[in-house]
Protein backbone atom coordinates (compact mmCIF):
# COMPACT_ATOMS: atom_id res chain seq x y z
CA MET A 1 -7.40 28.10 20.26
CA ASN A 2 -7.75 28.71 16.51
CA ASP A 3 -9.70 26.41 14.24
CA HIS A 4 -7.87 24.98 11.26
CA HIS A 5 -9.58 25.57 7.94
CA TRP A 6 -10.76 22.19 6.59
CA GLU A 7 -8.40 22.12 3.59
CA ALA A 8 -5.50 23.40 5.71
CA ALA A 9 -6.13 20.57 8.18
CA ARG A 10 -6.01 18.01 5.37
CA LEU A 11 -2.72 19.39 4.06
CA ALA A 12 -1.20 19.58 7.55
CA ALA A 13 -2.16 15.95 8.20
CA HIS A 14 -0.60 14.94 4.88
CA GLU A 15 2.65 16.71 5.76
CA LEU A 16 2.72 15.06 9.18
CA GLY A 17 2.25 11.68 7.53
CA ALA A 18 5.13 12.32 5.15
CA GLY A 19 7.27 13.00 8.22
CA ILE A 20 6.78 9.44 9.55
CA ALA A 21 7.26 7.64 6.23
CA GLY A 22 9.26 4.46 6.65
CA THR A 23 11.74 2.78 4.34
CA PRO A 24 10.16 1.09 1.30
CA GLU A 25 10.45 -2.68 1.16
CA THR A 26 10.58 -5.26 -1.60
CA VAL A 27 7.83 -7.90 -1.59
CA SER A 28 6.96 -10.75 -3.92
CA LEU A 29 3.99 -10.37 -6.24
CA HIS A 30 2.10 -12.88 -4.09
CA ARG A 31 2.36 -10.51 -1.10
CA ALA A 32 1.84 -7.24 -2.95
CA SER A 33 -1.96 -7.01 -2.94
CA GLY A 34 -3.22 -3.96 -1.05
CA ARG A 35 0.19 -2.29 -0.91
CA PHE A 36 1.22 0.93 -2.69
CA LEU A 37 4.00 1.23 -5.24
CA ALA A 38 7.03 3.11 -3.94
CA THR A 39 8.39 3.72 -7.43
CA ASP A 40 7.02 3.72 -10.97
CA LEU A 41 6.34 0.28 -12.46
CA LEU A 42 8.25 -0.04 -15.76
CA THR A 43 8.21 -2.83 -18.30
CA ARG A 44 11.38 -4.92 -18.37
CA TYR A 45 10.93 -5.86 -22.03
CA PRO A 46 8.53 -5.11 -24.89
CA MET A 47 5.01 -6.50 -24.41
CA PRO A 48 4.67 -8.90 -26.08
CA HIS A 49 8.39 -9.53 -26.28
CA CYS A 50 8.09 -11.30 -29.65
CA ALA A 51 5.53 -11.55 -32.45
CA THR A 52 2.85 -14.11 -31.58
CA SER A 53 -0.45 -15.40 -32.87
CA ALA A 54 -3.67 -13.89 -31.51
CA MET A 55 -5.76 -16.83 -32.74
CA ASP A 56 -5.85 -20.57 -33.21
CA GLY A 57 -5.48 -21.22 -36.90
CA TYR A 58 -2.84 -20.95 -39.62
CA ALA A 59 0.09 -18.62 -40.19
CA VAL A 60 0.25 -17.89 -43.91
CA ASN A 61 2.49 -16.07 -46.36
CA GLY A 62 0.71 -14.37 -49.22
CA PRO A 63 -2.90 -14.17 -50.39
CA GLY A 64 -3.51 -17.92 -50.82
CA PRO A 65 -4.27 -20.60 -51.53
CA TRP A 66 -1.41 -22.14 -49.54
CA GLN A 67 0.33 -25.45 -49.11
CA LEU A 68 -0.04 -26.52 -45.47
CA LEU A 69 3.37 -27.58 -44.21
CA LYS A 70 2.28 -28.61 -40.73
CA ALA A 71 -1.31 -29.41 -39.69
CA LEU A 72 -0.68 -29.69 -35.94
CA ALA A 73 0.58 -26.67 -34.05
CA THR A 74 3.28 -26.87 -31.42
CA ASN A 75 2.54 -25.58 -27.93
CA PRO A 76 3.07 -21.85 -27.34
CA GLY A 77 6.70 -21.36 -26.48
CA ASP A 78 7.79 -24.46 -28.38
CA GLY A 79 7.57 -22.85 -31.81
CA ASP A 80 10.40 -21.67 -33.96
CA GLU A 81 10.98 -18.77 -36.28
CA GLN A 82 11.63 -20.77 -39.45
CA ALA A 83 10.49 -18.84 -42.47
CA ILE A 84 7.61 -19.92 -44.67
CA ALA A 85 7.69 -19.09 -48.34
CA VAL A 86 5.00 -17.30 -50.29
CA GLY A 87 2.11 -19.72 -50.77
CA GLN A 88 2.88 -21.74 -47.66
CA ALA A 89 1.11 -22.05 -44.29
CA THR A 90 1.59 -23.76 -40.95
CA ALA A 91 -0.74 -24.41 -38.01
CA VAL A 92 -0.48 -22.17 -34.91
CA VAL A 93 -2.34 -21.72 -31.63
CA THR A 94 -2.97 -18.58 -29.62
CA GLY A 95 0.34 -17.39 -28.22
CA SER A 96 2.47 -19.32 -30.71
CA LEU A 97 5.67 -17.78 -31.96
CA ILE A 98 4.81 -17.13 -35.58
CA PRO A 99 7.05 -18.08 -38.47
CA LEU A 100 9.21 -15.46 -40.12
CA VAL A 101 7.67 -13.66 -43.09
CA ALA A 102 4.12 -14.71 -42.11
CA THR A 103 1.72 -12.09 -43.43
CA SER A 104 -1.37 -12.93 -41.36
CA ILE A 105 -3.07 -15.52 -39.17
CA TRP A 106 -6.24 -17.18 -40.46
CA ARG A 107 -8.84 -18.69 -38.18
CA VAL A 108 -9.63 -22.34 -38.86
CA GLU A 109 -13.31 -21.53 -39.51
CA HIS A 110 -12.39 -18.99 -42.20
CA THR A 111 -10.45 -21.51 -44.31
CA ASN A 112 -11.08 -24.69 -46.29
CA LEU A 113 -8.56 -27.54 -46.08
CA GLU A 114 -8.44 -30.26 -48.75
CA GLY A 115 -5.50 -32.55 -48.19
CA THR A 116 -2.60 -30.10 -47.80
CA ARG A 117 -4.25 -27.37 -49.86
CA LEU A 118 -5.53 -24.52 -47.66
CA SER A 119 -7.89 -21.97 -49.21
CA PRO A 120 -9.33 -18.73 -47.80
CA GLU A 121 -13.11 -18.38 -47.53
CA ARG A 122 -13.18 -14.61 -46.99
CA TYR A 123 -11.05 -11.51 -47.34
CA LEU A 124 -8.56 -10.77 -44.57
CA PRO A 125 -6.25 -7.75 -44.44
CA GLY A 126 -2.52 -8.25 -44.15
CA GLY A 127 -1.20 -8.53 -40.62
CA ALA A 128 -4.52 -9.72 -39.20
CA HIS A 129 -4.36 -11.58 -35.87
CA ILE A 130 -0.62 -11.07 -35.51
CA ARG A 131 0.56 -9.50 -32.26
CA PRO A 132 3.77 -7.67 -33.15
CA ALA A 133 6.42 -7.32 -30.46
CA GLY A 134 5.83 -4.20 -28.35
CA THR A 135 2.17 -3.80 -29.37
CA GLU A 136 1.04 -3.39 -25.76
CA ALA A 137 4.08 -1.59 -24.36
CA ALA A 138 7.65 -0.75 -25.22
CA GLU A 139 10.56 -1.71 -23.00
CA GLY A 140 10.85 0.78 -20.14
CA GLU A 141 7.30 2.11 -20.55
CA THR A 142 5.45 3.14 -17.39
CA LEU A 143 2.59 0.83 -16.49
CA ALA A 144 1.73 2.42 -13.12
CA VAL A 145 3.10 5.37 -11.18
CA ALA A 146 4.42 5.48 -7.63
CA GLY A 147 1.57 5.55 -5.14
CA THR A 148 -0.68 3.23 -7.15
CA LEU A 149 -2.71 0.76 -5.11
CA LEU A 150 -1.66 -2.75 -6.08
CA ARG A 151 -4.86 -4.45 -7.12
CA ALA A 152 -5.26 -7.53 -9.30
CA GLY A 153 -4.85 -5.76 -12.65
CA VAL A 154 -1.67 -3.93 -11.65
CA ILE A 155 -0.11 -7.04 -10.14
CA ALA A 156 -0.96 -9.08 -13.24
CA ALA A 157 0.58 -6.38 -15.45
CA ALA A 158 3.71 -6.45 -13.28
CA ALA A 159 3.97 -10.20 -13.72
CA VAL A 160 3.61 -10.23 -17.49
CA SER A 161 6.07 -7.33 -17.80
CA GLY A 162 8.80 -9.38 -16.15
CA HIS A 163 8.65 -8.53 -12.44
CA ASP A 164 8.90 -11.09 -9.64
CA GLU A 165 9.02 -8.50 -6.83
CA LEU A 166 7.91 -4.91 -6.32
CA LEU A 167 9.18 -2.04 -4.19
CA VAL A 168 6.28 -0.91 -2.00
CA ALA A 169 5.79 1.87 0.52
CA ALA A 170 6.12 1.07 4.20
CA MET A 171 2.82 0.78 6.08
CA PRO A 172 2.68 2.78 9.32
CA ARG A 173 1.63 0.81 12.39
CA VAL A 174 -1.61 2.13 13.88
CA HIS A 175 -2.97 1.73 17.40
CA LEU A 176 -6.68 2.30 18.04
CA VAL A 177 -7.99 3.43 21.44
CA PHE A 178 -11.76 3.24 21.94
CA THR A 179 -13.05 5.30 24.85
CA GLY A 180 -16.42 5.62 26.57
CA ASP A 181 -17.92 4.21 29.75
CA GLU A 182 -21.31 4.18 28.05
CA VAL A 183 -20.22 2.05 25.08
CA ILE A 184 -21.18 -1.62 24.87
CA THR A 185 -19.87 -4.05 22.26
CA SER A 186 -22.80 -6.48 21.97
CA GLY A 187 -26.48 -6.83 22.65
CA VAL A 188 -29.14 -4.17 23.07
CA PRO A 189 -28.07 -0.98 24.87
CA ALA A 190 -29.94 0.11 27.97
CA PRO A 191 -30.95 3.75 28.42
CA GLY A 192 -27.76 5.77 28.69
CA GLN A 193 -25.71 3.19 26.78
CA VAL A 194 -24.71 3.12 23.09
CA ARG A 195 -23.55 0.34 20.81
CA ASP A 196 -19.96 0.42 19.60
CA GLY A 197 -19.91 1.38 15.92
CA PHE A 198 -16.15 1.81 15.71
CA SER A 199 -14.31 -1.39 16.59
CA PRO A 200 -15.96 -3.57 13.90
CA VAL A 201 -14.92 -1.19 11.11
CA LEU A 202 -11.97 1.03 12.00
CA PRO A 203 -9.30 -1.71 11.73
CA ARG A 204 -10.60 -2.49 8.23
CA VAL A 205 -10.75 1.19 7.33
CA VAL A 206 -7.16 1.68 8.52
CA ALA A 207 -6.04 -1.24 6.35
CA ALA A 208 -7.95 0.11 3.33
CA LEU A 209 -6.33 3.52 3.74
CA GLY A 210 -2.81 2.10 3.85
CA GLY A 211 -2.16 1.47 7.54
CA GLY A 212 -0.14 -1.53 8.62
CA ASP A 213 -0.43 -3.69 11.71
CA CYS A 214 -3.40 -2.42 13.71
CA THR A 215 -3.73 -3.04 17.45
CA THR A 216 -6.70 -2.01 19.59
CA THR A 217 -7.62 -1.33 23.19
CA ARG A 218 -10.72 -0.14 25.00
CA ILE A 219 -10.67 2.12 28.06
CA GLY A 220 -13.00 3.89 30.43
CA ASP A 221 -13.31 7.63 30.83
CA THR A 222 -10.55 8.58 33.26
CA LEU A 223 -7.43 10.65 32.81
CA GLU A 224 -5.28 7.86 34.23
CA ALA A 225 -6.67 5.27 31.82
CA THR A 226 -6.22 7.63 28.88
CA ILE A 227 -2.61 8.41 29.77
CA ALA A 228 -1.88 4.72 30.19
CA ALA A 229 -3.46 3.90 26.81
CA LEU A 230 -1.49 6.58 24.96
CA ASP A 231 1.73 5.50 26.65
CA SER A 232 1.23 1.73 26.46
CA PRO A 233 3.74 -0.54 24.72
CA ALA A 234 1.29 -0.98 21.83
CA ALA A 235 0.88 2.79 21.43
CA ARG A 236 4.62 3.45 21.69
CA SER A 237 5.36 0.85 19.00
CA ALA A 238 2.88 2.47 16.58
CA GLN A 239 3.58 5.54 14.48
CA ILE A 240 -0.06 6.67 14.68
CA THR A 241 -2.49 6.33 17.56
CA VAL A 242 -6.17 7.00 16.85
CA THR A 243 -8.64 7.66 19.66
CA THR A 244 -12.44 7.83 19.49
CA GLY A 245 -14.26 10.15 21.88
CA GLY A 246 -13.01 12.38 24.68
CA THR A 247 -11.90 15.23 22.42
CA GLY A 248 -14.27 17.88 23.81
CA PHE A 249 -13.58 20.42 26.52
CA SER A 250 -15.73 19.18 29.39
CA ASP A 251 -14.51 17.68 32.63
CA ARG A 252 -15.30 14.23 31.19
CA ASP A 253 -13.04 14.61 28.12
CA PHE A 254 -9.48 13.48 28.79
CA VAL A 255 -7.64 12.97 25.50
CA ARG A 256 -6.22 16.48 25.24
CA ALA A 257 -5.10 16.53 28.86
CA ALA A 258 -3.52 13.09 28.52
CA ALA A 259 -1.59 14.17 25.43
CA ARG A 260 -0.30 17.26 27.23
CA GLU A 261 0.66 15.17 30.25
CA LEU A 262 2.80 13.00 27.97
CA GLY A 263 4.53 16.03 26.44
CA GLY A 264 2.43 16.17 23.28
CA GLU A 265 2.29 19.21 21.04
CA GLU A 266 -1.11 20.05 19.56
CA ILE A 267 -0.65 20.61 15.83
CA ILE A 268 -4.35 20.79 15.00
CA SER A 269 -6.51 21.76 17.96
CA SER A 270 -9.85 21.84 16.14
CA ILE A 271 -11.18 22.11 12.61
CA ALA A 272 -13.69 24.58 11.18
CA MET A 273 -15.93 21.75 9.97
CA ARG A 274 -19.30 20.25 10.73
CA PRO A 275 -19.53 17.60 11.94
CA GLY A 276 -16.15 16.88 13.53
CA HIS A 277 -15.14 20.29 14.89
CA PRO A 278 -13.40 19.02 18.09
CA SER A 279 -11.00 16.74 16.17
CA MET A 280 -7.39 17.08 17.25
CA VAL A 281 -3.91 16.06 16.08
CA SER A 282 -0.95 16.02 18.45
CA ARG A 283 2.69 15.07 18.02
CA LEU A 284 3.79 12.88 20.93
CA PRO A 285 7.39 12.25 21.99
CA GLY A 286 9.23 9.92 19.65
CA ASN A 287 7.60 11.52 16.58
CA ARG A 288 4.41 9.58 17.26
CA LEU A 289 1.21 11.08 15.94
CA LEU A 290 -2.10 11.16 17.79
CA VAL A 291 -5.31 11.55 15.77
CA ALA A 292 -8.16 12.21 18.19
CA LEU A 293 -11.59 11.69 16.66
CA PRO A 294 -14.87 12.85 18.20
CA GLY A 295 -17.16 10.31 19.86
CA ASN A 296 -20.18 10.90 17.63
CA PRO A 297 -19.98 8.26 14.89
CA LEU A 298 -20.57 10.36 11.78
CA ALA A 299 -18.41 13.17 13.14
CA ALA A 300 -15.61 10.69 13.77
CA LEU A 301 -15.73 9.23 10.27
CA MET A 302 -15.80 12.65 8.63
CA ALA A 303 -12.77 13.59 10.74
CA LEU A 304 -11.10 10.33 9.74
CA ALA A 305 -11.56 11.25 6.07
CA THR A 306 -10.13 14.69 6.83
CA LEU A 307 -7.14 13.64 8.93
CA LEU A 308 -6.21 9.96 8.86
CA ASP A 309 -6.69 9.42 5.13
CA PRO A 310 -4.29 12.23 4.09
CA MET A 311 -1.89 11.28 6.89
CA LEU A 312 -1.60 7.70 5.65
CA ARG A 313 -1.33 8.96 2.07
CA GLY A 314 1.58 11.15 3.09
CA ALA A 315 3.25 8.25 4.88
CA SER A 316 3.15 6.14 1.70
CA GLY A 317 4.25 8.86 -0.72
CA ARG A 318 0.81 9.50 -2.21
CA GLU A 319 -0.87 12.83 -2.84
CA PRO A 320 -3.94 13.84 -0.83
CA GLU A 321 -7.27 12.69 -2.22
CA GLN A 322 -8.34 15.04 -5.00
CA VAL A 323 -11.45 17.11 -4.38
CA HIS A 324 -13.82 16.63 -7.31
CA THR A 325 -16.75 18.68 -8.60
CA ALA A 326 -20.35 17.65 -9.22
CA VAL A 327 -23.76 19.30 -9.38
CA SER A 328 -25.62 19.83 -6.13
CA ALA A 329 -29.17 18.50 -6.04
CA ALA A 330 -29.94 20.62 -2.97
CA GLU A 331 -29.47 24.14 -1.69
CA PHE A 332 -27.19 24.79 1.28
CA ALA A 333 -27.46 28.05 3.18
CA GLU A 334 -24.40 29.94 4.34
CA LEU A 335 -22.66 28.64 7.44
CA PRO A 336 -20.02 31.25 8.26
CA GLY A 337 -16.73 29.81 9.43
CA ARG A 338 -17.60 26.16 8.78
CA THR A 339 -17.07 23.63 6.00
CA ARG A 340 -19.82 21.03 5.98
CA LEU A 341 -19.14 17.40 5.13
CA VAL A 342 -22.37 15.71 4.08
CA PRO A 343 -22.78 12.07 3.03
CA ALA A 344 -24.37 12.07 -0.43
CA ARG A 345 -25.57 9.72 -3.13
CA TRP A 346 -25.51 9.90 -6.91
CA ILE A 347 -28.87 10.55 -8.54
CA HIS A 348 -30.10 10.59 -12.13
CA SER A 349 -29.96 13.99 -13.76
CA PRO A 350 -32.09 14.65 -16.88
CA ASP A 351 -29.24 16.61 -18.48
CA GLY A 352 -26.76 13.80 -17.78
CA ARG A 353 -24.54 15.78 -15.42
CA ASP A 354 -22.96 14.12 -12.37
CA THR A 355 -25.36 15.09 -9.58
CA LEU A 356 -25.11 14.46 -5.84
CA ALA A 357 -27.98 14.62 -3.38
CA PRO A 358 -27.42 14.77 0.37
CA ALA A 359 -28.35 11.57 2.15
CA GLU A 360 -31.00 11.53 4.85
CA HIS A 361 -30.21 10.98 8.54
CA VAL A 362 -26.84 12.75 8.64
CA ALA A 363 -26.76 14.24 12.13
CA PRO A 364 -23.35 13.89 13.88
CA ALA A 365 -24.50 10.87 15.93
CA MET A 366 -26.16 9.08 12.99
CA LEU A 367 -24.65 6.51 10.64
CA ARG A 368 -27.71 5.60 8.57
CA GLY A 369 -27.07 8.28 5.98
CA LEU A 370 -23.44 7.30 5.55
CA ALA A 371 -24.47 3.68 5.04
CA ALA A 372 -26.36 4.73 1.89
CA ALA A 373 -23.76 7.23 0.65
CA ASP A 374 -21.54 7.17 -2.43
CA ALA A 375 -19.49 10.28 -1.68
CA ILE A 376 -18.98 13.15 0.78
CA LEU A 377 -20.19 16.60 -0.21
CA VAL A 378 -17.78 19.37 0.79
CA VAL A 379 -19.85 22.54 1.20
CA GLY A 380 -17.92 25.72 1.93
CA PRO A 381 -19.02 28.41 4.39
CA GLU A 382 -20.68 30.32 1.57
CA GLY A 383 -23.12 27.46 0.89
CA THR A 384 -24.38 26.63 -2.57
CA SER A 385 -27.55 26.71 -4.61
CA LYS A 386 -29.40 23.83 -6.20
CA GLY A 387 -27.97 23.08 -9.63
CA ALA A 388 -24.65 24.80 -8.88
CA ASN A 389 -21.29 23.08 -8.76
CA VAL A 390 -20.28 21.61 -5.41
CA SER A 391 -17.08 19.91 -4.25
CA TYR A 392 -16.97 16.33 -3.07
CA LEU A 393 -14.64 13.58 -1.93
CA GLY A 394 -14.93 9.95 -2.88
CA LEU A 395 -15.55 7.72 0.12
CA PRO A 396 -12.05 6.73 1.22
CA TRP A 397 -13.04 3.31 2.51
């Protein structure tokens, strides 16, 4: 059994995800939140599509004073494009279609009105407070690229650029299998028991990473139960099954044997990483993917960032998460043959550089350090010195 290099495992998981990508679907803007664009978002018309007023006040022609033709503005959208002559003005409100030949918009508080005679009280450059057509974007301009997460700002931009629906990437169905006879889901664990740290968060993490409908089941530590869970109707209807625990090589670890029993092909048998070395990916019959995470909580979440995140990115047409660079606030000795993933937090640096310090309490079975983390340090086998550049991933959830 050969360990996958950490980066090679990420790329392999991404490629496997691309292989299960479904057909994009069209959804209304009201259902688009949290989805990912399947194609670039382009404007359908110039933004704004006509010249409008950026202020409440008066549209004027010339330097003033002006004769006020109309003291009450029409509602935005009810205006017309009738021209005003030099020396004339008309009332407008924000968003009003401005008259033809208007040279600027004056705020009410910057003018003096006596009868129908409107005078300026300060200097204003020509064109002030006029929003020309196309100021924000030209017709056909790209507002967001394929793969963009549809958050409030993107959806709002889609609406004002003329879209009622968007083409979004399909969301793979995910089935979660929680293993462990010693795991309890509530209360205080007795000696030999542990509290379940997975089921309250993994469905939310899967959704945040781009997974679709998420079903769950919990099983004990037997080969028969593991086979049944991986071959259940819920598992067979999902494109990705994720297991927690049982990925080791003892006589109490059954995930690998169950996958083989079902005709699975191990694509990634283990990863040269710490924590999370015994993580495994298998292709099951029907082009179903199995992502087997270790049972130790931190190890499992580091493996999830390594495998499930790029897999779901591949399935929705997105690139793998980019590895960034920061300054290391600590020294890491060499660890031949292993990439270390270390929860880390941003700290103040006197020279203003982006600096990451490893969190405390980051053993494979601990979650306290991750709870306080902002990012994940990626330390290569060669280690790094304090003050040197170090790679990191943003937290994917």
